[in-house]
Amino acid sequence: NIIRSVRDYAGRRDEFLAWARSVPRLLNQPEQ
């Protein structure tokens, strides 16, 4: 799973990061 055009993440950062931590094999990685 590859992060690309997630232009709206800044306005929903907490929600976005919570989602990222739930996604397997995500690049770049959630901590990054």
Full PDB file with SEQRES, HELIX, SHEET, SSBOND, CRYST1, ORIGX, SCALE, CONECT and MASTER records, all heavy atoms in Angstrom:
SEQRES   1 A   32  ASN ILE ILE ARG SER VAL ARG ASP TYR ALA GLY ARG ARG          
SEQRES   2 A   32  ASP GLU PHE LEU ALA TRP ALA ARG SER VAL PRO ARG LEU          
SEQRES   3 A   32  LEU ASN GLN PRO GLU GLN                                      
HELIX    1 AA1 TYR A    9  ARG A   12  5                                   4    
HELIX    2 AA2 ARG A   13  ARG A   21  1                                   9    
CRYST1    1.000    1.000    1.000  90.00  90.00  90.00 P 1           1          
ORIGX1      1.000000  0.000000  0.000000        0.00000                         
ORIGX2      0.000000  1.000000  0.000000        0.00000                         
ORIGX3      0.000000  0.000000  1.000000        0.00000                         
SCALE1      1.000000  0.000000  0.000000        0.00000                         
SCALE2      0.000000  1.000000  0.000000        0.00000                         
SCALE3      0.000000  0.000000  1.000000        0.00000                         
ATOM      1  N   ASN A   1       0.860  -1.183   0.000  1.00  0.00           N  
ATOM      2  CA  ASN A   1       0.000   0.000   0.000  1.00  0.00           C  
ATOM      3  C   ASN A   1       0.897   1.234   0.000  1.00  0.00           C  
ATOM      4  O   ASN A   1       1.743   1.389   0.883  1.00  0.00           O  
ATOM      5  CB  ASN A   1      -0.904   0.005   1.234  1.00  0.00           C  
ATOM      6  CG  ASN A   1      -1.915  -1.121   1.217  1.00  0.00           C  
ATOM      7  OD1 ASN A   1      -2.777  -1.179   0.346  1.00  0.00           O  
ATOM      8  ND2 ASN A   1      -1.805  -2.037   2.173  1.00  0.00           N  
ATOM      9  N   ILE A   2       0.696   2.093  -0.993  1.00  0.00           N  
ATOM     10  CA  ILE A   2       1.626   3.206  -1.197  1.00  0.00           C  
ATOM     11  C   ILE A   2       0.897   4.539  -1.101  1.00  0.00           C  
ATOM     12  O   ILE A   2      -0.064   4.800  -1.840  1.00  0.00           O  
ATOM     13  CB  ILE A   2       2.325   3.081  -2.567  1.00  0.00           C  
ATOM     14  CG1 ILE A   2       3.134   1.778  -2.608  1.00  0.00           C  
ATOM     15  CG2 ILE A   2       3.219   4.285  -2.835  1.00  0.00           C  
ATOM     16  CD1 ILE A   2       3.785   1.510  -3.929  1.00  0.00           C  
ATOM     17  N   ILE A   3       1.355   5.381  -0.195  1.00  0.00           N  
ATOM     18  CA  ILE A   3       0.792   6.720  -0.032  1.00  0.00           C  
ATOM     19  C   ILE A   3       1.150   7.568  -1.238  1.00  0.00           C  
ATOM     20  O   ILE A   3       2.304   7.678  -1.616  1.00  0.00           O  
ATOM     21  CB  ILE A   3       1.360   7.396   1.245  1.00  0.00           C  
ATOM     22  CG1 ILE A   3       0.950   6.631   2.492  1.00  0.00           C  
ATOM     23  CG2 ILE A   3       0.925   8.848   1.317  1.00  0.00           C  
ATOM     24  CD1 ILE A   3      -0.496   6.809   2.871  1.00  0.00           C  
ATOM     25  N   ARG A   4       0.137   8.207  -1.826  1.00  0.00           N  
ATOM     26  CA  ARG A   4       0.407   9.130  -2.917  1.00  0.00           C  
ATOM     27  C   ARG A   4      -0.388  10.435  -2.747  1.00  0.00           C  
ATOM     28  O   ARG A   4      -0.007  11.282  -1.981  1.00  0.00           O  
ATOM     29  CB  ARG A   4       0.117   8.471  -4.283  1.00  0.00           C  
ATOM     30  CG  ARG A   4       1.119   7.425  -4.722  1.00  0.00           C  
ATOM     31  CD  ARG A   4       2.579   7.827  -4.504  1.00  0.00           C  
ATOM     32  NE  ARG A   4       2.944   9.104  -5.041  1.00  0.00           N  
ATOM     33  CZ  ARG A   4       3.694  10.003  -4.387  1.00  0.00           C  
ATOM     34  NH1 ARG A   4       4.150   9.759  -3.177  1.00  0.00           N  
ATOM     35  NH2 ARG A   4       3.997  11.135  -4.949  1.00  0.00           N  
ATOM     36  N   SER A   5      -1.520  10.594  -3.402  1.00  0.00           N  
ATOM     37  CA  SER A   5      -2.160  11.911  -3.492  1.00  0.00           C  
ATOM     38  C   SER A   5      -3.119  12.190  -2.327  1.00  0.00           C  
ATOM     39  O   SER A   5      -4.287  12.508  -2.527  1.00  0.00           O  
ATOM     40  CB  SER A   5      -2.922  12.014  -4.823  1.00  0.00           C  
ATOM     41  OG  SER A   5      -2.148  11.551  -5.896  1.00  0.00           O  
ATOM     42  N   VAL A   6      -2.602  12.112  -1.101  1.00  0.00           N  
ATOM     43  CA  VAL A   6      -3.464  12.298   0.082  1.00  0.00           C  
ATOM     44  C   VAL A   6      -3.436  13.772   0.504  1.00  0.00           C  
ATOM     45  O   VAL A   6      -3.081  14.112   1.632  1.00  0.00           O  
ATOM     46  CB  VAL A   6      -3.033  11.369   1.240  1.00  0.00           C  
ATOM     47  CG1 VAL A   6      -3.333   9.926   0.897  1.00  0.00           C  
ATOM     48  CG2 VAL A   6      -1.543  11.533   1.552  1.00  0.00           C  
ATOM     49  N   ARG A   7      -3.846  14.656  -0.381  1.00  0.00           N  
ATOM     50  CA  ARG A   7      -3.702  16.093  -0.175  1.00  0.00           C  
ATOM     51  C   ARG A   7      -4.518  16.640   0.993  1.00  0.00           C  
ATOM     52  O   ARG A   7      -4.269  17.746   1.462  1.00  0.00           O  
ATOM     53  CB  ARG A   7      -4.094  16.845  -1.452  1.00  0.00           C  
ATOM     54  CG  ARG A   7      -3.314  16.445  -2.692  1.00  0.00           C  
ATOM     55  CD  ARG A   7      -1.904  16.995  -2.682  1.00  0.00           C  
ATOM     56  NE  ARG A   7      -1.257  16.769  -3.957  1.00  0.00           N  
ATOM     57  CZ  ARG A   7      -0.433  15.759  -4.222  1.00  0.00           C  
ATOM     58  NH1 ARG A   7      -0.129  14.895  -3.265  1.00  0.00           N  
ATOM     59  NH2 ARG A   7       0.109  15.603  -5.411  1.00  0.00           N  
ATOM     60  N   ASP A   8      -5.494  15.880   1.464  1.00  0.00           N  
ATOM     61  CA  ASP A   8      -6.369  16.382   2.522  1.00  0.00           C  
ATOM     62  C   ASP A   8      -5.928  15.943   3.916  1.00  0.00           C  
ATOM     63  O   ASP A   8      -6.617  16.197   4.904  1.00  0.00           O  
ATOM     64  CB  ASP A   8      -7.802  15.931   2.285  1.00  0.00           C  
ATOM     65  CG  ASP A   8      -7.963  14.410   2.267  1.00  0.00           C  
ATOM     66  OD1 ASP A   8      -6.920  13.701   2.230  1.00  0.00           O  
ATOM     67  OD2 ASP A   8      -9.109  13.930   2.277  1.00  0.00           O  
ATOM     68  N   TYR A   9      -4.769  15.300   4.040  1.00  0.00           N  
ATOM     69  CA  TYR A   9      -4.411  14.716   5.335  1.00  0.00           C  
ATOM     70  C   TYR A   9      -4.182  15.767   6.412  1.00  0.00           C  
ATOM     71  O   TYR A   9      -4.433  15.532   7.598  1.00  0.00           O  
ATOM     72  CB  TYR A   9      -3.164  13.835   5.198  1.00  0.00           C  
ATOM     73  CG  TYR A   9      -1.853  14.583   5.223  1.00  0.00           C  
ATOM     74  CD1 TYR A   9      -1.249  14.924   6.432  1.00  0.00           C  
ATOM     75  CD2 TYR A   9      -1.223  14.969   4.046  1.00  0.00           C  
ATOM     76  CE1 TYR A   9      -0.054  15.631   6.463  1.00  0.00           C  
ATOM     77  CE2 TYR A   9      -0.024  15.664   4.073  1.00  0.00           C  
ATOM     78  CZ  TYR A   9       0.544  16.001   5.284  1.00  0.00           C  
ATOM     79  OH  TYR A   9       1.716  16.710   5.317  1.00  0.00           O  
ATOM     80  N   ALA A  10      -3.679  16.950   6.028  1.00  0.00           N  
ATOM     81  CA  ALA A  10      -3.284  17.941   7.036  1.00  0.00           C  
ATOM     82  C   ALA A  10      -4.468  18.399   7.879  1.00  0.00           C  
ATOM     83  O   ALA A  10      -4.346  18.599   9.089  1.00  0.00           O  
ATOM     84  CB  ALA A  10      -2.617  19.139   6.358  1.00  0.00           C  
ATOM     85  N   GLY A  11      -5.622  18.548   7.266  1.00  0.00           N  
ATOM     86  CA  GLY A  11      -6.801  18.980   8.012  1.00  0.00           C  
ATOM     87  C   GLY A  11      -7.415  17.892   8.867  1.00  0.00           C  
ATOM     88  O   GLY A  11      -8.280  18.176   9.701  1.00  0.00           O  
ATOM     89  N   ARG A  12      -6.939  16.663   8.673  1.00  0.00           N  
ATOM     90  CA  ARG A  12      -7.476  15.519   9.424  1.00  0.00           C  
ATOM     91  C   ARG A  12      -6.326  14.640   9.904  1.00  0.00           C  
ATOM     92  O   ARG A  12      -6.395  13.422   9.853  1.00  0.00           O  
ATOM     93  CB  ARG A  12      -8.427  14.715   8.526  1.00  0.00           C  
ATOM     94  CG  ARG A  12      -9.559  15.539   7.935  1.00  0.00           C  
ATOM     95  CD  ARG A  12     -10.200  14.857   6.745  1.00  0.00           C  
ATOM     96  NE  ARG A  12     -10.786  13.581   7.073  1.00  0.00           N  
ATOM     97  CZ  ARG A  12     -11.279  12.740   6.157  1.00  0.00           C  
ATOM     98  NH1 ARG A  12     -11.206  13.033   4.874  1.00  0.00           N  
ATOM     99  NH2 ARG A  12     -11.814  11.593   6.533  1.00  0.00           N  
ATOM    100  N   ARG A  13      -5.267  15.277  10.370  1.00  0.00           N  
ATOM    101  CA  ARG A  13      -4.025  14.559  10.628  1.00  0.00           C  
ATOM    102  C   ARG A  13      -4.198  13.411  11.625  1.00  0.00           C  
ATOM    103  O   ARG A  13      -3.695  12.303  11.398  1.00  0.00           O  
ATOM    104  CB  ARG A  13      -2.952  15.526  11.122  1.00  0.00           C  
ATOM    105  CG  ARG A  13      -1.608  14.855  11.416  1.00  0.00           C  
ATOM    106  CD  ARG A  13      -0.531  15.882  11.709  1.00  0.00           C  
ATOM    107  NE  ARG A  13       0.750  15.251  12.019  1.00  0.00           N  
ATOM    108  CZ  ARG A  13       1.210  15.048  13.258  1.00  0.00           C  
ATOM    109  NH1 ARG A  13       0.490  15.435  14.312  1.00  0.00           N  
ATOM    110  NH2 ARG A  13       2.375  14.458  13.458  1.00  0.00           N  
ATOM    111  N   ASP A  14      -4.873  13.646  12.739  1.00  0.00           N  
ATOM    112  CA  ASP A  14      -5.029  12.584  13.737  1.00  0.00           C  
ATOM    113  C   ASP A  14      -5.761  11.386  13.150  1.00  0.00           C  
ATOM    114  O   ASP A  14      -5.367  10.228  13.368  1.00  0.00           O  
ATOM    115  CB  ASP A  14      -5.779  13.110  14.959  1.00  0.00           C  
ATOM    116  CG  ASP A  14      -4.935  14.084  15.782  1.00  0.00           C  
ATOM    117  OD1 ASP A  14      -3.710  14.140  15.565  1.00  0.00           O  
ATOM    118  OD2 ASP A  14      -5.514  14.801  16.630  1.00  0.00           O  
ATOM    119  N   GLU A  15      -6.818  11.669  12.392  1.00  0.00           N  
ATOM    120  CA  GLU A  15      -7.581  10.595  11.757  1.00  0.00           C  
ATOM    121  C   GLU A  15      -6.715   9.861  10.726  1.00  0.00           C  
ATOM    122  O   GLU A  15      -6.735   8.624  10.644  1.00  0.00           O  
ATOM    123  CB  GLU A  15      -8.825  11.180  11.085  1.00  0.00           C  
ATOM    124  CG  GLU A  15      -9.711  10.163  10.390  1.00  0.00           C  
ATOM    125  CD  GLU A  15     -10.860  10.803   9.645  1.00  0.00           C  
ATOM    126  OE1 GLU A  15     -11.059  12.037   9.764  1.00  0.00           O  
ATOM    127  OE2 GLU A  15     -11.570  10.070   8.920  1.00  0.00           O  
ATOM    128  N   PHE A  16      -5.964  10.622   9.964  1.00  0.00           N  
ATOM    129  CA  PHE A  16      -5.107  10.039   8.939  1.00  0.00           C  
ATOM    130  C   PHE A  16      -4.043   9.133   9.543  1.00  0.00           C  
ATOM    131  O   PHE A  16      -3.814   8.011   9.076  1.00  0.00           O  
ATOM    132  CB  PHE A  16      -4.454  11.164   8.126  1.00  0.00           C  
ATOM    133  CG  PHE A  16      -3.417  10.697   7.146  1.00  0.00           C  
ATOM    134  CD1 PHE A  16      -3.785  10.050   5.969  1.00  0.00           C  
ATOM    135  CD2 PHE A  16      -2.062  10.905   7.397  1.00  0.00           C  
ATOM    136  CE1 PHE A  16      -2.820   9.611   5.061  1.00  0.00           C  
ATOM    137  CE2 PHE A  16      -1.104  10.474   6.494  1.00  0.00           C  
ATOM    138  CZ  PHE A  16      -1.484   9.821   5.330  1.00  0.00           C  
ATOM    139  N   LEU A  17      -3.410   9.588  10.623  1.00  0.00           N  
ATOM    140  CA  LEU A  17      -2.356   8.785  11.243  1.00  0.00           C  
ATOM    141  C   LEU A  17      -2.919   7.540  11.914  1.00  0.00           C  
ATOM    142  O   LEU A  17      -2.293   6.475  11.887  1.00  0.00           O  
ATOM    143  CB  LEU A  17      -1.581   9.635  12.251  1.00  0.00           C  
ATOM    144  CG  LEU A  17      -0.744  10.765  11.649  1.00  0.00           C  
ATOM    145  CD1 LEU A  17      -0.091  11.586  12.748  1.00  0.00           C  
ATOM    146  CD2 LEU A  17       0.310  10.216  10.686  1.00  0.00           C  
ATOM    147  N   ALA A  18      -4.102   7.657  12.513  1.00  0.00           N  
ATOM    148  CA  ALA A  18      -4.739   6.475  13.105  1.00  0.00           C  
ATOM    149  C   ALA A  18      -5.035   5.442  12.018  1.00  0.00           C  
ATOM    150  O   ALA A  18      -4.814   4.234  12.202  1.00  0.00           O  
ATOM    151  CB  ALA A  18      -6.019   6.873  13.829  1.00  0.00           C  
ATOM    152  N   TRP A  19      -5.512   5.924  10.874  1.00  0.00           N  
ATOM    153  CA  TRP A  19      -5.749   5.019   9.741  1.00  0.00           C  
ATOM    154  C   TRP A  19      -4.433   4.390   9.280  1.00  0.00           C  
ATOM    155  O   TRP A  19      -4.362   3.173   9.064  1.00  0.00           O  
ATOM    156  CB  TRP A  19      -6.391   5.798   8.588  1.00  0.00           C  
ATOM    157  CG  TRP A  19      -6.296   5.076   7.286  1.00  0.00           C  
ATOM    158  CD1 TRP A  19      -7.103   4.085   6.822  1.00  0.00           C  
ATOM    159  CD2 TRP A  19      -5.272   5.262   6.289  1.00  0.00           C  
ATOM    160  NE1 TRP A  19      -6.662   3.632   5.600  1.00  0.00           N  
ATOM    161  CE2 TRP A  19      -5.553   4.338   5.254  1.00  0.00           C  
ATOM    162  CE3 TRP A  19      -4.179   6.101   6.180  1.00  0.00           C  
ATOM    163  CZ2 TRP A  19      -4.743   4.254   4.116  1.00  0.00           C  
ATOM    164  CZ3 TRP A  19      -3.378   6.019   5.057  1.00  0.00           C  
ATOM    165  CH2 TRP A  19      -3.664   5.103   4.036  1.00  0.00           C  
ATOM    166  N   ALA A  20      -3.381   5.204   9.133  1.00  0.00           N  
ATOM    167  CA  ALA A  20      -2.095   4.698   8.638  1.00  0.00           C  
ATOM    168  C   ALA A  20      -1.557   3.584   9.531  1.00  0.00           C  
ATOM    169  O   ALA A  20      -1.005   2.586   9.034  1.00  0.00           O  
ATOM    170  CB  ALA A  20      -1.088   5.842   8.537  1.00  0.00           C  
ATOM    171  N   ARG A  21      -1.720   3.741  10.837  1.00  0.00           N  
ATOM    172  CA  ARG A  21      -1.210   2.723  11.761  1.00  0.00           C  
ATOM    173  C   ARG A  21      -1.966   1.404  11.644  1.00  0.00           C  
ATOM    174  O   ARG A  21      -1.471   0.362  12.084  1.00  0.00           O  
ATOM    175  CB  ARG A  21      -1.261   3.259  13.197  1.00  0.00           C  
ATOM    176  CG  ARG A  21      -0.197   4.323  13.482  1.00  0.00           C  
ATOM    177  CD  ARG A  21      -0.155   4.673  14.944  1.00  0.00           C  
ATOM    178  NE  ARG A  21      -1.286   5.493  15.347  1.00  0.00           N  
ATOM    179  CZ  ARG A  21      -1.289   6.828  15.362  1.00  0.00           C  
ATOM    180  NH1 ARG A  21      -0.200   7.498  14.996  1.00  0.00           N  
ATOM    181  NH2 ARG A  21      -2.356   7.497  15.738  1.00  0.00           N  
ATOM    182  N   SER A  22      -3.136   1.448  11.025  1.00  0.00           N  
ATOM    183  CA  SER A  22      -3.944   0.225  10.893  1.00  0.00           C  
ATOM    184  C   SER A  22      -3.701  -0.504   9.575  1.00  0.00           C  
ATOM    185  O   SER A  22      -4.233  -1.603   9.373  1.00  0.00           O  
ATOM    186  CB  SER A  22      -5.437   0.583  10.989  1.00  0.00           C  
ATOM    187  OG  SER A  22      -5.885   1.234   9.799  1.00  0.00           O  
ATOM    188  N   VAL A  23      -2.908   0.109   8.695  1.00  0.00           N  
ATOM    189  CA  VAL A  23      -2.747  -0.438   7.344  1.00  0.00           C  
ATOM    190  C   VAL A  23      -1.466  -1.271   7.259  1.00  0.00           C  
ATOM    191  O   VAL A  23      -0.383  -0.773   7.565  1.00  0.00           O  
ATOM    192  CB  VAL A  23      -2.701   0.697   6.294  1.00  0.00           C  
ATOM    193  CG1 VAL A  23      -2.452   0.134   4.895  1.00  0.00           C  
ATOM    194  CG2 VAL A  23      -3.999   1.490   6.324  1.00  0.00           C  
ATOM    195  N   PRO A  24      -1.578  -2.529   6.843  1.00  0.00           N  
ATOM    196  CA  PRO A  24      -0.364  -3.358   6.706  1.00  0.00           C  
ATOM    197  C   PRO A  24       0.433  -2.984   5.463  1.00  0.00           C  
ATOM    198  O   PRO A  24      -0.119  -2.480   4.485  1.00  0.00           O  
ATOM    199  CB  PRO A  24      -0.935  -4.778   6.587  1.00  0.00           C  
ATOM    200  CG  PRO A  24      -2.287  -4.586   5.963  1.00  0.00           C  
ATOM    201  CD  PRO A  24      -2.808  -3.273   6.498  1.00  0.00           C  
ATOM    202  N   ARG A  25       1.728  -3.219   5.523  1.00  0.00           N  
ATOM    203  CA  ARG A  25       2.618  -3.047   4.371  1.00  0.00           C  
ATOM    204  C   ARG A  25       2.452  -1.675   3.720  1.00  0.00           C  
ATOM    205  O   ARG A  25       2.316  -1.541   2.500  1.00  0.00           O  
ATOM    206  CB  ARG A  25       2.378  -4.176   3.360  1.00  0.00           C  
ATOM    207  CG  ARG A  25       2.649  -5.568   3.938  1.00  0.00           C  
ATOM    208  CD  ARG A  25       2.321  -6.675   2.961  1.00  0.00           C  
ATOM    209  NE  ARG A  25       0.889  -6.775   2.699  1.00  0.00           N  
ATOM    210  CZ  ARG A  25       0.013  -7.357   3.508  1.00  0.00           C  
ATOM    211  NH1 ARG A  25       0.412  -7.901   4.645  1.00  0.00           N  
ATOM    212  NH2 ARG A  25      -1.257  -7.407   3.190  1.00  0.00           N  
ATOM    213  N   LEU A  26       2.476  -0.647   4.564  1.00  0.00           N  
ATOM    214  CA  LEU A  26       2.285   0.727   4.097  1.00  0.00           C  
ATOM    215  C   LEU A  26       3.633   1.403   3.886  1.00  0.00           C  
ATOM    216  O   LEU A  26       4.529   1.323   4.736  1.00  0.00           O  
ATOM    217  CB  LEU A  26       1.470   1.515   5.128  1.00  0.00           C  
ATOM    218  CG  LEU A  26       1.122   2.962   4.760  1.00  0.00           C  
ATOM    219  CD1 LEU A  26       0.138   2.994   3.581  1.00  0.00           C  
ATOM    220  CD2 LEU A  26       0.519   3.698   5.959  1.00  0.00           C  
ATOM    221  N   LEU A  27       3.772   2.080   2.761  1.00  0.00           N  
ATOM    222  CA  LEU A  27       4.961   2.871   2.450  1.00  0.00           C  
ATOM    223  C   LEU A  27       4.536   4.255   1.969  1.00  0.00           C  
ATOM    224  O   LEU A  27       3.635   4.354   1.141  1.00  0.00           O  
ATOM    225  CB  LEU A  27       5.800   2.191   1.355  1.00  0.00           C  
ATOM    226  CG  LEU A  27       6.385   0.826   1.712  1.00  0.00           C  
ATOM    227  CD1 LEU A  27       7.079   0.213   0.496  1.00  0.00           C  
ATOM    228  CD2 LEU A  27       7.363   0.937   2.872  1.00  0.00           C  
ATOM    229  N   ASN A  28       5.177   5.303   2.501  1.00  0.00           N  
ATOM    230  CA  ASN A  28       6.158   5.182   3.558  1.00  0.00           C  
ATOM    231  C   ASN A  28       5.487   4.727   4.859  1.00  0.00           C  
ATOM    232  O   ASN A  28       4.270   4.745   4.977  1.00  0.00           O  
ATOM    233  CB  ASN A  28       6.904   6.497   3.742  1.00  0.00           C  
ATOM    234  CG  ASN A  28       7.926   6.733   2.632  1.00  0.00           C  
ATOM    235  OD1 ASN A  28       8.596   5.829   2.158  1.00  0.00           O  
ATOM    236  ND2 ASN A  28       8.020   8.000   2.200  1.00  0.00           N  
ATOM    237  N   GLN A  29       6.271   4.343   5.853  1.00  0.00           N  
ATOM    238  CA  GLN A  29       5.734   3.730   7.047  1.00  0.00           C  
ATOM    239  C   GLN A  29       5.011   4.743   7.950  1.00  0.00           C  
ATOM    240  O   GLN A  29       5.322   5.930   7.935  1.00  0.00           O  
ATOM    241  CB  GLN A  29       6.863   3.047   7.813  1.00  0.00           C  
ATOM    242  CG  GLN A  29       7.519   1.927   7.016  1.00  0.00           C  
ATOM    243  CD  GLN A  29       8.798   1.427   7.643  1.00  0.00           C  
ATOM    244  OE1 GLN A  29       9.146   1.795   8.765  1.00  0.00           O  
ATOM    245  NE2 GLN A  29       9.517   0.581   6.937  1.00  0.00           N  
ATOM    246  N   PRO A  30       4.037   4.269   8.742  1.00  0.00           N  
ATOM    247  CA  PRO A  30       3.238   5.182   9.570  1.00  0.00           C  
ATOM    248  C   PRO A  30       4.070   6.080  10.484  1.00  0.00           C  
ATOM    249  O   PRO A  30       3.765   7.263  10.643  1.00  0.00           O  
ATOM    250  CB  PRO A  30       2.352   4.229  10.379  1.00  0.00           C  
ATOM    251  CG  PRO A  30       2.232   3.014   9.518  1.00  0.00           C  
ATOM    252  CD  PRO A  30       3.546   2.883   8.820  1.00  0.00           C  
ATOM    253  N   GLU A  31       5.117   5.542  11.100  1.00  0.00           N  
ATOM    254  CA  GLU A  31       5.940   6.364  11.998  1.00  0.00           C  
ATOM    255  C   GLU A  31       6.637   7.483  11.236  1.00  0.00           C  
ATOM    256  O   GLU A  31       6.810   8.591  11.748  1.00  0.00           O  
ATOM    257  CB  GLU A  31       6.982   5.486  12.700  1.00  0.00           C  
ATOM    258  CG  GLU A  31       6.394   4.412  13.599  1.00  0.00           C  
ATOM    259  CD  GLU A  31       6.137   3.107  12.851  1.00  0.00           C  
ATOM    260  OE1 GLU A  31       6.174   3.108  11.581  1.00  0.00           O  
ATOM    261  OE2 GLU A  31       5.899   2.078  13.519  1.00  0.00           O  
ATOM    262  N   GLN A  32       7.042   7.192  10.007  1.00  0.00           N  
ATOM    263  CA  GLN A  32       7.680   8.204   9.177  1.00  0.00           C  
ATOM    264  C   GLN A  32       6.680   9.287   8.777  1.00  0.00           C  
ATOM    265  O   GLN A  32       7.018  10.474   8.739  1.00  0.00           O  
ATOM    266  CB  GLN A  32       8.291   7.532   7.943  1.00  0.00           C  
ATOM    267  CG  GLN A  32       9.401   6.558   8.296  1.00  0.00           C  
ATOM    268  CD  GLN A  32       9.736   5.598   7.169  1.00  0.00           C  
ATOM    269  OE1 GLN A  32       8.947   5.409   6.233  1.00  0.00           O  
ATOM    270  NE2 GLN A  32      10.894   4.961   7.252  1.00  0.00           N  
TER     271      GLN A  32                                                      
MASTER        0    0    0    2    0    0    0    6  270    1    0    3          
END                                                                             
